[in-house]
């Protein structure tokens, strides 16, 4: 009887732990993306806006080679250019000023305009890491960040 009770207690404990992890993961996923813009009553979600802008998902880790060039597209009203901050650890990233005109050319120009998307073109140099941190201009949406590992 005592062994069965210990076994049952262990099974219940494991079930509680699994339920807690599942609940935590679900909460983190829903809140990390700022799913619903409930404060303004806007029915579009941050996830939909980022998809419309063809944004790299926030929190992504990207492996790039030295001299790689990357477009970073974000909804300008949520993540304004002046809120972008780079942190460098060995490698560097610099904006290519004539790259903005090279944005989408696959018919998504109207979608970009409708979603207030801004595109900026960056080149990576050196070896190491670069972090892009963008403070959200809207308190209901989380900050945006990318991590780049720059190799040869």
N, C-alpha and C. Protein backbone atom coordinates (compact mmCIF):
# COMPACT_ATOMS: atom_id res chain seq x y z
N UNK A 1 0.82 -1.18 0.00
CA UNK A 1 0.00 0.00 0.00
C UNK A 1 0.88 1.25 0.00
N UNK A 2 1.94 1.27 0.81
CA UNK A 2 2.82 2.43 0.90
C UNK A 2 3.55 2.69 -0.41
N UNK A 3 3.99 1.65 -1.11
CA UNK A 3 4.68 1.80 -2.39
C UNK A 3 3.72 2.36 -3.43
N UNK A 4 2.48 1.88 -3.46
CA UNK A 4 1.50 2.36 -4.42
C UNK A 4 1.17 3.83 -4.17
N UNK A 5 1.10 4.22 -2.91
CA UNK A 5 0.80 5.61 -2.55
C UNK A 5 1.96 6.51 -3.00
N UNK A 6 3.21 6.08 -2.81
CA UNK A 6 4.37 6.85 -3.26
C UNK A 6 4.37 6.97 -4.78
N UNK A 7 4.04 5.87 -5.47
CA UNK A 7 3.98 5.87 -6.92
C UNK A 7 2.90 6.85 -7.41
N UNK A 8 1.74 6.81 -6.79
CA UNK A 8 0.64 7.71 -7.16
C UNK A 8 1.03 9.16 -6.90
N UNK A 9 1.69 9.43 -5.77
CA UNK A 9 2.14 10.79 -5.45
C UNK A 9 3.13 11.29 -6.49
N UNK A 10 4.02 10.42 -6.91
CA UNK A 10 5.01 10.80 -7.92
C UNK A 10 4.33 11.10 -9.25
N UNK A 11 3.36 10.31 -9.66
CA UNK A 11 2.63 10.54 -10.90
C UNK A 11 1.88 11.86 -10.84
N UNK A 12 1.23 12.16 -9.71
CA UNK A 12 0.50 13.42 -9.55
C UNK A 12 1.47 14.60 -9.61
N UNK A 13 2.61 14.48 -8.96
CA UNK A 13 3.62 15.55 -8.98
C UNK A 13 4.12 15.80 -10.40
N UNK A 14 4.39 14.75 -11.15
CA UNK A 14 4.85 14.90 -12.53
C UNK A 14 3.76 15.57 -13.37
N UNK A 15 2.51 15.16 -13.18
CA UNK A 15 1.40 15.75 -13.94
C UNK A 15 1.26 17.24 -13.64
N UNK A 16 1.42 17.63 -12.40
CA UNK A 16 1.33 19.04 -12.02
C UNK A 16 2.47 19.83 -12.67
N UNK A 17 3.68 19.27 -12.65
CA UNK A 17 4.83 19.95 -13.27
C UNK A 17 4.63 20.12 -14.77
N UNK A 18 4.17 19.06 -15.44
CA UNK A 18 3.92 19.15 -16.89
C UNK A 18 2.85 20.19 -17.19
N UNK A 19 1.77 20.20 -16.41
CA UNK A 19 0.70 21.18 -16.63
C UNK A 19 1.23 22.60 -16.43
N UNK A 20 2.09 22.79 -15.42
CA UNK A 20 2.67 24.11 -15.18
C UNK A 20 3.55 24.57 -16.32
N UNK A 21 4.38 23.68 -16.85
CA UNK A 21 5.25 24.03 -17.98
C UNK A 21 4.42 24.37 -19.21
N UNK A 22 3.40 23.57 -19.49
CA UNK A 22 2.54 23.83 -20.65
C UNK A 22 1.85 25.18 -20.50
N UNK A 23 1.33 25.47 -19.31
CA UNK A 23 0.67 26.75 -19.08
C UNK A 23 1.64 27.91 -19.24
N UNK A 24 2.86 27.77 -18.72
CA UNK A 24 3.87 28.82 -18.83
C UNK A 24 4.26 29.05 -20.28
N UNK A 25 4.46 27.99 -21.05
CA UNK A 25 4.82 28.13 -22.46
C UNK A 25 3.71 28.81 -23.24
N UNK A 26 2.48 28.44 -22.97
CA UNK A 26 1.35 29.07 -23.64
C UNK A 26 1.25 30.54 -23.31
N UNK A 27 1.45 30.92 -22.05
CA UNK A 27 1.40 32.32 -21.64
C UNK A 27 2.53 33.10 -22.29
N UNK A 28 3.74 32.53 -22.29
CA UNK A 28 4.89 33.21 -22.87
C UNK A 28 4.68 33.45 -24.36
N UNK A 29 4.19 32.44 -25.08
CA UNK A 29 3.98 32.58 -26.52
C UNK A 29 2.97 33.68 -26.80
N UNK A 30 1.86 33.70 -26.11
CA UNK A 30 0.81 34.69 -26.35
C UNK A 30 1.24 36.09 -25.95
N UNK A 31 1.99 36.23 -24.88
CA UNK A 31 2.37 37.55 -24.41
C UNK A 31 3.64 38.06 -25.05
N UNK A 32 4.52 37.20 -25.51
CA UNK A 32 5.76 37.64 -26.14
C UNK A 32 5.49 38.28 -27.50
N UNK A 33 4.41 37.93 -28.16
CA UNK A 33 4.13 38.50 -29.47
C UNK A 33 3.17 39.67 -29.40
N UNK A 34 2.70 40.03 -28.22
CA UNK A 34 1.78 41.14 -28.09
C UNK A 34 0.52 40.88 -28.89
N UNK A 35 -0.02 39.70 -28.81
CA UNK A 35 -1.01 39.20 -29.74
C UNK A 35 -2.09 40.21 -30.09
N UNK A 36 -2.78 40.79 -29.18
CA UNK A 36 -3.91 41.65 -29.53
C UNK A 36 -3.66 43.08 -29.05
N UNK A 37 -3.88 44.02 -29.91
CA UNK A 37 -3.76 45.43 -29.57
C UNK A 37 -5.09 45.85 -28.94
N UNK A 38 -5.30 45.46 -27.70
CA UNK A 38 -6.59 45.68 -27.05
C UNK A 38 -6.77 47.12 -26.57
N UNK A 39 -5.72 47.84 -26.30
CA UNK A 39 -5.86 49.20 -25.77
C UNK A 39 -6.45 50.15 -26.79
N UNK A 40 -6.13 49.97 -28.05
CA UNK A 40 -6.63 50.89 -29.07
C UNK A 40 -7.86 50.34 -29.77
N UNK A 41 -8.21 49.09 -29.50
CA UNK A 41 -9.34 48.48 -30.18
C UNK A 41 -9.02 48.04 -31.59
N UNK A 42 -7.75 48.13 -31.98
CA UNK A 42 -7.31 47.72 -33.32
C UNK A 42 -7.42 46.21 -33.44
N UNK A 43 -8.07 45.73 -34.49
CA UNK A 43 -8.26 44.29 -34.61
C UNK A 43 -7.04 43.60 -35.21
N UNK A 44 -6.09 44.36 -35.76
CA UNK A 44 -4.89 43.72 -36.29
C UNK A 44 -3.95 43.39 -35.13
N UNK A 45 -3.25 42.31 -35.26
CA UNK A 45 -2.31 41.92 -34.22
C UNK A 45 -0.91 42.31 -34.63
N UNK A 46 -0.03 42.34 -33.66
CA UNK A 46 1.36 42.62 -33.97
C UNK A 46 1.91 41.55 -34.90
N UNK A 47 1.55 40.32 -34.66
CA UNK A 47 2.02 39.23 -35.51
C UNK A 47 1.60 39.45 -36.97
N UNK A 48 0.37 39.89 -37.19
CA UNK A 48 -0.10 40.16 -38.55
C UNK A 48 0.67 41.32 -39.17
N UNK A 49 0.94 42.36 -38.38
CA UNK A 49 1.68 43.51 -38.90
C UNK A 49 3.10 43.11 -39.28
N UNK A 50 3.76 42.34 -38.42
CA UNK A 50 5.12 41.90 -38.71
C UNK A 50 5.16 41.00 -39.94
N UNK A 51 4.16 40.14 -40.09
CA UNK A 51 4.08 39.29 -41.28
C UNK A 51 3.87 40.13 -42.53
N UNK A 52 3.01 41.13 -42.46
CA UNK A 52 2.75 42.00 -43.61
C UNK A 52 4.02 42.74 -44.03
N UNK A 53 4.85 43.09 -43.06
CA UNK A 53 6.11 43.80 -43.35
C UNK A 53 7.24 42.84 -43.73
N UNK A 54 6.95 41.54 -43.74
CA UNK A 54 7.97 40.53 -44.02
C UNK A 54 9.14 40.66 -43.06
N UNK A 55 8.82 40.91 -41.78
CA UNK A 55 9.83 41.10 -40.74
C UNK A 55 10.47 39.77 -40.35
N UNK A 56 11.72 39.84 -39.96
CA UNK A 56 12.39 38.70 -39.35
C UNK A 56 11.77 38.57 -37.95
N UNK A 57 11.37 37.38 -37.53
CA UNK A 57 10.74 37.24 -36.22
C UNK A 57 11.63 37.76 -35.09
N UNK A 58 11.04 38.52 -34.19
CA UNK A 58 11.77 39.05 -33.04
C UNK A 58 12.34 37.89 -32.23
N UNK A 59 13.55 38.11 -31.72
CA UNK A 59 14.21 37.07 -30.93
C UNK A 59 15.03 36.11 -31.76
N UNK A 60 15.04 36.30 -33.09
CA UNK A 60 15.76 35.39 -33.97
C UNK A 60 17.27 35.52 -33.79
N UNK A 61 17.95 34.40 -33.99
CA UNK A 61 19.41 34.33 -34.04
C UNK A 61 19.77 34.06 -35.49
N UNK A 62 20.52 34.96 -36.11
CA UNK A 62 20.88 34.81 -37.51
C UNK A 62 22.38 34.68 -37.65
N UNK A 63 22.79 33.71 -38.44
CA UNK A 63 24.20 33.52 -38.77
C UNK A 63 24.44 34.20 -40.11
N UNK A 64 25.33 35.19 -40.14
CA UNK A 64 25.66 35.89 -41.39
C UNK A 64 27.17 35.90 -41.56
N UNK A 65 27.59 36.03 -42.80
CA UNK A 65 29.02 36.13 -43.11
C UNK A 65 29.41 37.59 -43.20
N UNK A 66 30.69 37.85 -42.98
CA UNK A 66 31.18 39.21 -43.12
C UNK A 66 30.82 39.73 -44.51
N UNK A 67 30.42 40.95 -44.61
CA UNK A 67 29.94 41.68 -45.79
C UNK A 67 28.54 41.25 -46.23
N UNK A 68 27.84 40.41 -45.44
CA UNK A 68 26.45 40.08 -45.76
C UNK A 68 25.60 41.33 -45.62
N UNK A 69 24.57 41.39 -46.43
CA UNK A 69 23.61 42.49 -46.36
C UNK A 69 22.23 41.94 -46.08
N UNK A 70 21.52 42.62 -45.19
CA UNK A 70 20.21 42.14 -44.73
C UNK A 70 19.22 43.30 -44.70
N UNK A 71 18.02 43.06 -45.25
CA UNK A 71 16.91 44.01 -45.10
C UNK A 71 16.23 43.74 -43.77
N UNK A 72 15.97 44.79 -43.01
CA UNK A 72 15.20 44.67 -41.78
C UNK A 72 13.96 45.55 -41.96
N UNK A 73 12.81 44.91 -42.01
CA UNK A 73 11.54 45.57 -42.27
C UNK A 73 10.69 45.54 -41.01
N UNK A 74 10.20 46.70 -40.61
CA UNK A 74 9.37 46.78 -39.41
C UNK A 74 8.26 47.81 -39.60
N UNK A 75 7.12 47.63 -38.92
CA UNK A 75 6.09 48.66 -38.94
C UNK A 75 6.61 49.91 -38.21
N UNK A 76 6.73 51.00 -38.94
CA UNK A 76 7.39 52.21 -38.43
C UNK A 76 6.64 52.83 -37.25
N UNK A 77 5.32 52.70 -37.19
CA UNK A 77 4.58 53.30 -36.09
C UNK A 77 4.77 52.53 -34.79
N UNK A 78 5.10 51.24 -34.88
CA UNK A 78 5.34 50.43 -33.69
C UNK A 78 6.82 50.46 -33.31
N UNK A 79 7.70 50.33 -34.30
CA UNK A 79 9.15 50.29 -34.08
C UNK A 79 9.83 51.37 -34.92
N UNK A 80 9.74 52.64 -34.48
CA UNK A 80 10.31 53.73 -35.27
C UNK A 80 11.83 53.65 -35.39
N UNK A 81 12.31 54.17 -36.50
CA UNK A 81 13.75 54.12 -36.79
C UNK A 81 14.57 54.72 -35.65
N UNK A 82 14.11 55.82 -35.08
CA UNK A 82 14.89 56.47 -34.02
C UNK A 82 14.98 55.63 -32.75
N UNK A 83 14.17 54.58 -32.63
CA UNK A 83 14.24 53.70 -31.45
C UNK A 83 15.18 52.51 -31.67
N UNK A 84 15.82 52.44 -32.83
CA UNK A 84 16.74 51.33 -33.11
C UNK A 84 18.09 51.59 -32.45
N UNK A 85 18.60 50.55 -31.81
CA UNK A 85 19.90 50.66 -31.16
C UNK A 85 20.67 49.37 -31.44
N UNK A 86 21.92 49.51 -31.84
CA UNK A 86 22.77 48.35 -32.08
C UNK A 86 23.79 48.24 -30.96
N UNK A 87 24.06 47.01 -30.56
CA UNK A 87 25.14 46.71 -29.63
C UNK A 87 26.11 45.79 -30.36
N UNK A 88 27.40 46.12 -30.27
CA UNK A 88 28.42 45.41 -31.03
C UNK A 88 29.39 44.69 -30.10
N UNK A 89 29.76 43.48 -30.50
CA UNK A 89 30.78 42.70 -29.79
C UNK A 89 31.71 42.12 -30.85
N UNK A 90 32.64 42.94 -31.31
CA UNK A 90 33.60 42.52 -32.33
C UNK A 90 33.16 42.85 -33.74
N UNK A 91 31.95 42.53 -34.10
CA UNK A 91 31.44 42.81 -35.45
C UNK A 91 30.71 44.16 -35.45
N UNK A 92 30.43 44.66 -36.64
CA UNK A 92 29.73 45.93 -36.82
C UNK A 92 28.60 45.76 -37.82
N UNK A 93 27.61 46.62 -37.76
CA UNK A 93 26.54 46.69 -38.75
C UNK A 93 26.36 48.15 -39.12
N UNK A 94 26.31 48.42 -40.41
CA UNK A 94 26.11 49.78 -40.87
C UNK A 94 24.99 49.84 -41.90
N UNK A 95 24.22 50.91 -41.84
CA UNK A 95 23.11 51.04 -42.77
C UNK A 95 23.64 51.47 -44.14
N UNK A 96 23.11 50.87 -45.16
CA UNK A 96 23.44 51.23 -46.54
C UNK A 96 22.38 52.23 -46.98
N UNK A 97 22.77 53.47 -47.13
CA UNK A 97 21.79 54.55 -47.31
C UNK A 97 20.98 54.44 -48.58
N UNK A 98 21.52 53.89 -49.64
CA UNK A 98 20.74 53.79 -50.88
C UNK A 98 19.98 52.46 -50.96
N UNK A 99 19.93 51.70 -49.88
CA UNK A 99 19.25 50.42 -49.89
C UNK A 99 17.76 50.49 -49.66
N UNK A 100 17.28 51.60 -49.08
CA UNK A 100 15.85 51.69 -48.77
C UNK A 100 14.99 51.61 -50.03
N UNK A 101 15.47 52.15 -51.12
CA UNK A 101 14.72 52.10 -52.37
C UNK A 101 14.68 50.72 -53.00
N UNK A 102 15.44 49.79 -52.43
CA UNK A 102 15.50 48.43 -52.97
C UNK A 102 14.50 47.50 -52.31
N UNK A 103 13.62 48.03 -51.47
CA UNK A 103 12.67 47.21 -50.71
C UNK A 103 11.88 46.25 -51.58
N UNK A 104 10.69 45.90 -51.18
CA UNK A 104 9.92 44.85 -51.87
C UNK A 104 9.59 45.22 -53.31
N UNK A 105 9.76 44.26 -54.19
CA UNK A 105 9.46 44.45 -55.61
C UNK A 105 8.63 43.29 -56.14
N UNK A 106 8.00 42.57 -55.25
CA UNK A 106 7.26 41.38 -55.66
C UNK A 106 5.75 41.59 -55.59
N UNK A 107 5.30 42.84 -55.71
CA UNK A 107 3.88 43.13 -55.63
C UNK A 107 3.41 43.46 -54.22
N UNK A 108 4.33 43.40 -53.24
CA UNK A 108 3.91 43.68 -51.86
C UNK A 108 4.08 45.15 -51.48
N UNK A 109 4.37 46.01 -52.46
CA UNK A 109 4.56 47.43 -52.16
C UNK A 109 3.33 48.04 -51.50
N UNK A 110 2.13 47.69 -51.99
CA UNK A 110 0.90 48.24 -51.42
C UNK A 110 0.66 47.71 -50.02
N UNK A 111 1.00 46.45 -49.77
CA UNK A 111 0.85 45.89 -48.43
C UNK A 111 1.80 46.61 -47.48
N UNK A 112 3.03 46.86 -47.93
CA UNK A 112 4.00 47.59 -47.11
C UNK A 112 3.46 48.97 -46.77
N UNK A 113 2.93 49.68 -47.74
CA UNK A 113 2.41 51.03 -47.51
C UNK A 113 1.22 50.99 -46.55
N UNK A 114 0.31 50.05 -46.74
CA UNK A 114 -0.89 49.95 -45.91
C UNK A 114 -0.55 49.64 -44.46
N UNK A 115 0.56 48.98 -44.22
CA UNK A 115 0.96 48.60 -42.86
C UNK A 115 2.06 49.49 -42.30
N UNK A 116 2.34 50.60 -42.97
CA UNK A 116 3.34 51.56 -42.51
C UNK A 116 4.70 50.90 -42.30
N UNK A 117 5.06 49.99 -43.22
CA UNK A 117 6.32 49.26 -43.11
C UNK A 117 7.48 50.14 -43.59
N UNK A 118 8.58 50.05 -42.88
CA UNK A 118 9.80 50.73 -43.30
C UNK A 118 10.87 49.66 -43.47
N UNK A 119 11.65 49.79 -44.52
CA UNK A 119 12.72 48.83 -44.76
C UNK A 119 14.06 49.56 -44.69
N UNK A 120 15.03 48.94 -44.04
CA UNK A 120 16.38 49.47 -43.94
C UNK A 120 17.34 48.34 -44.25
N UNK A 121 18.43 48.70 -44.91
CA UNK A 121 19.38 47.73 -45.45
C UNK A 121 20.69 47.87 -44.68
N UNK A 122 21.19 46.77 -44.12
CA UNK A 122 22.40 46.79 -43.30
C UNK A 122 23.44 45.83 -43.84
N UNK A 123 24.71 46.25 -43.69
CA UNK A 123 25.84 45.39 -44.04
C UNK A 123 26.62 45.08 -42.77
N UNK A 124 27.05 43.82 -42.64
CA UNK A 124 27.78 43.37 -41.46
C UNK A 124 29.25 43.20 -41.80
N UNK A 125 30.11 43.66 -40.90
CA UNK A 125 31.56 43.58 -41.09
C UNK A 125 32.22 43.12 -39.81
N UNK A 126 33.41 42.53 -39.96
CA UNK A 126 34.16 42.05 -38.81
C UNK A 126 33.67 40.66 -38.41
N UNK A 127 34.08 40.25 -37.23
CA UNK A 127 33.71 38.93 -36.72
C UNK A 127 33.25 39.10 -35.28
N UNK A 128 32.15 38.48 -34.95
CA UNK A 128 31.63 38.57 -33.59
C UNK A 128 30.12 38.61 -33.60
N UNK A 129 29.56 39.45 -32.75
CA UNK A 129 28.10 39.50 -32.59
C UNK A 129 27.59 40.93 -32.71
N UNK A 130 26.37 41.02 -33.21
CA UNK A 130 25.66 42.30 -33.29
C UNK A 130 24.23 42.05 -32.79
N UNK A 131 23.77 42.89 -31.90
CA UNK A 131 22.39 42.82 -31.43
C UNK A 131 21.65 44.08 -31.88
N UNK A 132 20.46 43.88 -32.42
CA UNK A 132 19.58 45.00 -32.75
C UNK A 132 18.48 45.01 -31.71
N UNK A 133 18.31 46.14 -31.05
CA UNK A 133 17.28 46.32 -30.04
C UNK A 133 16.41 47.50 -30.46
N UNK A 134 15.10 47.29 -30.53
CA UNK A 134 14.20 48.37 -30.93
C UNK A 134 13.11 48.51 -29.87
N UNK A 135 13.06 49.66 -29.25
CA UNK A 135 12.04 49.94 -28.23
C UNK A 135 10.71 50.19 -28.92
N UNK A 136 9.68 49.50 -28.45
CA UNK A 136 8.34 49.69 -29.01
C UNK A 136 7.81 51.08 -28.66
N UNK A 137 7.18 51.73 -29.64
CA UNK A 137 6.56 53.04 -29.40
C UNK A 137 5.16 52.88 -28.82
N UNK A 138 4.67 51.66 -28.78
CA UNK A 138 3.33 51.39 -28.26
C UNK A 138 3.45 50.48 -27.05
N UNK A 139 2.97 50.93 -25.91
CA UNK A 139 3.16 50.14 -24.68
C UNK A 139 2.51 48.76 -24.70
N UNK A 140 1.52 48.57 -25.55
CA UNK A 140 0.86 47.26 -25.60
C UNK A 140 1.65 46.23 -26.39
N UNK A 141 2.73 46.66 -27.07
CA UNK A 141 3.53 45.74 -27.86
C UNK A 141 4.93 45.64 -27.26
N UNK A 142 5.54 44.44 -27.31
CA UNK A 142 6.88 44.25 -26.73
C UNK A 142 7.96 44.87 -27.62
N UNK A 143 9.14 45.05 -27.04
CA UNK A 143 10.29 45.50 -27.81
C UNK A 143 10.68 44.41 -28.82
N UNK A 144 11.45 44.81 -29.82
CA UNK A 144 11.87 43.92 -30.90
C UNK A 144 13.38 43.75 -30.80
N UNK A 145 13.87 42.52 -31.00
CA UNK A 145 15.32 42.32 -30.96
C UNK A 145 15.74 41.19 -31.90
N UNK A 146 16.93 41.35 -32.44
CA UNK A 146 17.57 40.33 -33.29
C UNK A 146 19.01 40.18 -32.82
N UNK A 147 19.54 38.96 -32.97
CA UNK A 147 20.95 38.71 -32.64
C UNK A 147 21.61 38.13 -33.89
N UNK A 148 22.72 38.72 -34.28
CA UNK A 148 23.46 38.26 -35.45
C UNK A 148 24.83 37.76 -35.00
N UNK A 149 25.20 36.58 -35.45
CA UNK A 149 26.57 36.08 -35.32
C UNK A 149 27.23 36.28 -36.68
N UNK A 150 28.30 37.04 -36.70
CA UNK A 150 28.99 37.37 -37.94
C UNK A 150 30.28 36.54 -38.01
N UNK A 151 30.38 35.73 -39.08
CA UNK A 151 31.53 34.85 -39.25
C UNK A 151 32.18 35.12 -40.61
N UNK A 152 33.28 34.42 -40.88
CA UNK A 152 33.92 34.58 -42.19
C UNK A 152 33.50 33.50 -43.13
